[in-house]
Amino acid sequence: MGGAPIGLDWPAIYPLMERQKSDWEELHDALMLMEQTAIETMREFAPKREGK
């Protein structure tokens, strides 16, 4: 990881989501939650910059 985490590449995910047989809105909500949790975790464990 060479920088600040920015999240999922949603344009790449939408075609995969459309192929799912499950509830699209439920899947979207779940992915958003996983994305947010992953970003928070990566930020928590990222090396700290000096002076910050």
PDB file of N, CA and C in Angstrom:
ATOM      1  N   MET A   1       0.871  -1.168   0.000  1.00  0.00           N
ATOM      2  CA  MET A   1       0.000   0.000   0.000  1.00  0.00           C
ATOM      3  C   MET A   1       0.907   1.218   0.000  1.00  0.00           C
ATOM      4  N   GLY A   2       0.833   2.004  -1.049  1.00  0.00           N
ATOM      5  CA  GLY A   2       1.736   3.117  -1.192  1.00  0.00           C
ATOM      6  C   GLY A   2       1.162   4.466  -0.825  1.00  0.00           C
ATOM      7  N   GLY A   3      -0.011   4.522  -0.291  1.00  0.00           N
ATOM      8  CA  GLY A   3      -0.596   5.809   0.064  1.00  0.00           C
ATOM      9  C   GLY A   3      -1.823   5.622   0.919  1.00  0.00           C
ATOM     10  N   ALA A   4      -2.587   6.677   1.025  1.00  0.00           N
ATOM     11  CA  ALA A   4      -3.808   6.622   1.817  1.00  0.00           C
ATOM     12  C   ALA A   4      -4.840   5.729   1.130  1.00  0.00           C
ATOM     13  N   PRO A   5      -5.508   4.864   1.897  1.00  0.00           N
ATOM     14  CA  PRO A   5      -6.546   4.023   1.293  1.00  0.00           C
ATOM     15  C   PRO A   5      -7.703   4.881   0.796  1.00  0.00           C
ATOM     16  N   ILE A   6      -8.181   4.578  -0.393  1.00  0.00           N
ATOM     17  CA  ILE A   6      -9.249   5.387  -0.979  1.00  0.00           C
ATOM     18  C   ILE A   6     -10.548   4.615  -1.172  1.00  0.00           C
ATOM     19  N   GLY A   7     -10.526   3.306  -1.023  1.00  0.00           N
ATOM     20  CA  GLY A   7     -11.759   2.544  -1.134  1.00  0.00           C
ATOM     21  C   GLY A   7     -11.798   1.626  -2.331  1.00  0.00           C
ATOM     22  N   LEU A   8     -12.956   1.054  -2.541  1.00  0.00           N
ATOM     23  CA  LEU A   8     -13.161   0.107  -3.632  1.00  0.00           C
ATOM     24  C   LEU A   8     -13.224   0.811  -4.977  1.00  0.00           C
ATOM     25  N   ASP A   9     -12.914   0.058  -6.013  1.00  0.00           N
ATOM     26  CA  ASP A   9     -13.051   0.547  -7.385  1.00  0.00           C
ATOM     27  C   ASP A   9     -14.479   0.196  -7.833  1.00  0.00           C
ATOM     28  N   TRP A  10     -15.416   1.077  -7.483  1.00  0.00           N
ATOM     29  CA  TRP A  10     -16.832   0.795  -7.708  1.00  0.00           C
ATOM     30  C   TRP A  10     -17.183   0.538  -9.170  1.00  0.00           C
ATOM     31  N   PRO A  11     -16.615   1.244 -10.142  1.00  0.00           N
ATOM     32  CA  PRO A  11     -16.952   0.908 -11.534  1.00  0.00           C
ATOM     33  C   PRO A  11     -16.609  -0.534 -11.906  1.00  0.00           C
ATOM     34  N   ALA A  12     -15.631  -1.115 -11.240  1.00  0.00           N
ATOM     35  CA  ALA A  12     -15.290  -2.512 -11.489  1.00  0.00           C
ATOM     36  C   ALA A  12     -16.230  -3.459 -10.747  1.00  0.00           C
ATOM     37  N   ILE A  13     -16.807  -3.003  -9.654  1.00  0.00           N
ATOM     38  CA  ILE A  13     -17.655  -3.856  -8.824  1.00  0.00           C
ATOM     39  C   ILE A  13     -19.092  -3.937  -9.352  1.00  0.00           C
ATOM     40  N   TYR A  14     -19.601  -2.855  -9.893  1.00  0.00           N
ATOM     41  CA  TYR A  14     -21.004  -2.845 -10.336  1.00  0.00           C
ATOM     42  C   TYR A  14     -21.350  -3.966 -11.321  1.00  0.00           C
ATOM     43  N   PRO A  15     -20.523  -4.257 -12.327  1.00  0.00           N
ATOM     44  CA  PRO A  15     -20.882  -5.381 -13.217  1.00  0.00           C
ATOM     45  C   PRO A  15     -20.951  -6.717 -12.476  1.00  0.00           C
ATOM     46  N   LEU A  16     -20.080  -6.904 -11.500  1.00  0.00           N
ATOM     47  CA  LEU A  16     -20.123  -8.144 -10.714  1.00  0.00           C
ATOM     48  C   LEU A  16     -21.385  -8.207  -9.865  1.00  0.00           C
ATOM     49  N   MET A  17     -21.770  -7.067  -9.301  1.00  0.00           N
ATOM     50  CA  MET A  17     -22.977  -7.024  -8.481  1.00  0.00           C
ATOM     51  C   MET A  17     -24.216  -7.337  -9.312  1.00  0.00           C
ATOM     52  N   GLU A  18     -24.244  -6.876 -10.540  1.00  0.00           N
ATOM     53  CA  GLU A  18     -25.417  -7.093 -11.386  1.00  0.00           C
ATOM     54  C   GLU A  18     -25.612  -8.562 -11.727  1.00  0.00           C
ATOM     55  N   ARG A  19     -24.538  -9.347 -11.678  1.00  0.00           N
ATOM     56  CA  ARG A  19     -24.640 -10.772 -11.965  1.00  0.00           C
ATOM     57  C   ARG A  19     -25.155 -11.569 -10.770  1.00  0.00           C
ATOM     58  N   GLN A  20     -25.194 -10.944  -9.593  1.00  0.00           N
ATOM     59  CA  GLN A  20     -25.661 -11.637  -8.389  1.00  0.00           C
ATOM     60  C   GLN A  20     -27.180 -11.773  -8.433  1.00  0.00           C
ATOM     61  N   LYS A  21     -27.640 -12.860  -7.892  1.00  0.00           N
ATOM     62  CA  LYS A  21     -29.081 -13.128  -7.864  1.00  0.00           C
ATOM     63  C   LYS A  21     -29.741 -12.543  -6.605  1.00  0.00           C
ATOM     64  N   SER A  22     -28.906 -12.089  -5.655  1.00  0.00           N
ATOM     65  CA  SER A  22     -29.445 -11.582  -4.397  1.00  0.00           C
ATOM     66  C   SER A  22     -29.916 -10.137  -4.538  1.00  0.00           C
ATOM     67  N   ASP A  23     -30.444  -9.621  -3.444  1.00  0.00           N
ATOM     68  CA  ASP A  23     -30.941  -8.245  -3.390  1.00  0.00           C
ATOM     69  C   ASP A  23     -29.784  -7.277  -3.624  1.00  0.00           C
ATOM     70  N   TRP A  24     -29.851  -6.516  -4.705  1.00  0.00           N
ATOM     71  CA  TRP A  24     -28.781  -5.600  -5.095  1.00  0.00           C
ATOM     72  C   TRP A  24     -28.537  -4.555  -4.019  1.00  0.00           C
ATOM     73  N   GLU A  25     -29.586  -3.993  -3.453  1.00  0.00           N
ATOM     74  CA  GLU A  25     -29.428  -2.946  -2.445  1.00  0.00           C
ATOM     75  C   GLU A  25     -28.770  -3.492  -1.183  1.00  0.00           C
ATOM     76  N   GLU A  26     -29.151  -4.678  -0.780  1.00  0.00           N
ATOM     77  CA  GLU A  26     -28.543  -5.302   0.398  1.00  0.00           C
ATOM     78  C   GLU A  26     -27.058  -5.577   0.163  1.00  0.00           C
ATOM     79  N   LEU A  27     -26.724  -6.069  -1.015  1.00  0.00           N
ATOM     80  CA  LEU A  27     -25.325  -6.331  -1.362  1.00  0.00           C
ATOM     81  C   LEU A  27     -24.520  -5.031  -1.384  1.00  0.00           C
ATOM     82  N   HIS A  28     -25.085  -3.985  -1.948  1.00  0.00           N
ATOM     83  CA  HIS A  28     -24.430  -2.687  -2.017  1.00  0.00           C
ATOM     84  C   HIS A  28     -24.162  -2.147  -0.614  1.00  0.00           C
ATOM     85  N   ASP A  29     -25.151  -2.230   0.253  1.00  0.00           N
ATOM     86  CA  ASP A  29     -24.987  -1.769   1.635  1.00  0.00           C
ATOM     87  C   ASP A  29     -23.888  -2.555   2.355  1.00  0.00           C
ATOM     88  N   ALA A  30     -23.867  -3.872   2.148  1.00  0.00           N
ATOM     89  CA  ALA A  30     -22.857  -4.711   2.791  1.00  0.00           C
ATOM     90  C   ALA A  30     -21.454  -4.357   2.299  1.00  0.00           C
ATOM     91  N   LEU A  31     -21.309  -4.134   1.005  1.00  0.00           N
ATOM     92  CA  LEU A  31     -20.008  -3.754   0.452  1.00  0.00           C
ATOM     93  C   LEU A  31     -19.557  -2.392   0.969  1.00  0.00           C
ATOM     94  N   MET A  32     -20.488  -1.462   1.096  1.00  0.00           N
ATOM     95  CA  MET A  32     -20.133  -0.141   1.622  1.00  0.00           C
ATOM     96  C   MET A  32     -19.647  -0.249   3.063  1.00  0.00           C
ATOM     97  N   LEU A  33     -20.306  -1.085   3.861  1.00  0.00           N
ATOM     98  CA  LEU A  33     -19.895  -1.283   5.247  1.00  0.00           C
ATOM     99  C   LEU A  33     -18.510  -1.925   5.306  1.00  0.00           C
ATOM    100  N   MET A  34     -18.276  -2.940   4.483  1.00  0.00           N
ATOM    101  CA  MET A  34     -16.961  -3.594   4.464  1.00  0.00           C
ATOM    102  C   MET A  34     -15.872  -2.625   4.013  1.00  0.00           C
ATOM    103  N   GLU A  35     -16.184  -1.807   3.015  1.00  0.00           N
ATOM    104  CA  GLU A  35     -15.226  -0.822   2.525  1.00  0.00           C
ATOM    105  C   GLU A  35     -14.856   0.165   3.628  1.00  0.00           C
ATOM    106  N   GLN A  36     -15.833   0.697   4.323  1.00  0.00           N
ATOM    107  CA  GLN A  36     -15.592   1.668   5.385  1.00  0.00           C
ATOM    108  C   GLN A  36     -14.777   1.058   6.515  1.00  0.00           C
ATOM    109  N   THR A  37     -15.124  -0.166   6.908  1.00  0.00           N
ATOM    110  CA  THR A  37     -14.396  -0.844   7.986  1.00  0.00           C
ATOM    111  C   THR A  37     -12.952  -1.119   7.570  1.00  0.00           C
ATOM    112  N   ALA A  38     -12.753  -1.534   6.333  1.00  0.00           N
ATOM    113  CA  ALA A  38     -11.390  -1.803   5.850  1.00  0.00           C
ATOM    114  C   ALA A  38     -10.558  -0.524   5.839  1.00  0.00           C
ATOM    115  N   ILE A  39     -11.124   0.579   5.375  1.00  0.00           N
ATOM    116  CA  ILE A  39     -10.396   1.850   5.340  1.00  0.00           C
ATOM    117  C   ILE A  39     -10.026   2.281   6.756  1.00  0.00           C
ATOM    118  N   GLU A  40     -10.962   2.182   7.688  1.00  0.00           N
ATOM    119  CA  GLU A  40     -10.678   2.559   9.073  1.00  0.00           C
ATOM    120  C   GLU A  40      -9.559   1.702   9.653  1.00  0.00           C
ATOM    121  N   THR A  41      -9.594   0.403   9.378  1.00  0.00           N
ATOM    122  CA  THR A  41      -8.565  -0.505   9.887  1.00  0.00           C
ATOM    123  C   THR A  41      -7.210  -0.195   9.263  1.00  0.00           C
ATOM    124  N   MET A  42      -7.170   0.034   7.967  1.00  0.00           N
ATOM    125  CA  MET A  42      -5.900   0.361   7.307  1.00  0.00           C
ATOM    126  C   MET A  42      -5.326   1.659   7.849  1.00  0.00           C
ATOM    127  N   ARG A  43      -6.157   2.640   8.082  1.00  0.00           N
ATOM    128  CA  ARG A  43      -5.676   3.901   8.646  1.00  0.00           C
ATOM    129  C   ARG A  43      -5.153   3.717  10.055  1.00  0.00           C
ATOM    130  N   GLU A  44      -5.820   2.863  10.837  1.00  0.00           N
ATOM    131  CA  GLU A  44      -5.405   2.614  12.209  1.00  0.00           C
ATOM    132  C   GLU A  44      -4.010   1.993  12.271  1.00  0.00           C
ATOM    133  N   PHE A  45      -3.724   1.073  11.353  1.00  0.00           N
ATOM    134  CA  PHE A  45      -2.461   0.358  11.383  1.00  0.00           C
ATOM    135  C   PHE A  45      -1.407   0.922  10.428  1.00  0.00           C
ATOM    136  N   ALA A  46      -1.727   1.980   9.726  1.00  0.00           N
ATOM    137  CA  ALA A  46      -0.763   2.590   8.806  1.00  0.00           C
ATOM    138  C   ALA A  46       0.376   3.231   9.582  1.00  0.00           C
ATOM    139  N   PRO A  47       1.573   3.210   8.999  1.00  0.00           N
ATOM    140  CA  PRO A  47       2.693   3.892   9.664  1.00  0.00           C
ATOM    141  C   PRO A  47       2.354   5.363   9.876  1.00  0.00           C
ATOM    142  N   LYS A  48       2.699   5.864  11.040  1.00  0.00           N
ATOM    143  CA  LYS A  48       2.429   7.258  11.363  1.00  0.00           C
ATOM    144  C   LYS A  48       3.542   8.138  10.823  1.00  0.00           C
ATOM    145  N   ARG A  49       3.170   9.270  10.265  1.00  0.00           N
ATOM    146  CA  ARG A  49       4.159  10.243   9.785  1.00  0.00           C
ATOM    147  C   ARG A  49       4.729  11.000  10.969  1.00  0.00           C
ATOM    148  N   GLU A  50       5.986  11.315  10.871  1.00  0.00           N
ATOM    149  CA  GLU A  50       6.616  12.091  11.934  1.00  0.00           C
ATOM    150  C   GLU A  50       5.999  13.470  11.988  1.00  0.00           C
ATOM    151  N   GLY A  51       5.771  13.980  13.194  1.00  0.00           N
ATOM    152  CA  GLY A  51       5.206  15.308  13.364  1.00  0.00           C
ATOM    153  C   GLY A  51       3.694  15.358  13.270  1.00  0.00           C
ATOM    154  N   LYS A  52       3.057  14.187  13.154  1.00  0.00           N
ATOM    155  CA  LYS A  52       1.590  14.189  13.042  1.00  0.00           C
ATOM    156  C   LYS A  52       0.987  13.316  14.082  1.00  0.00           C
TER     157      LYS A  52
END
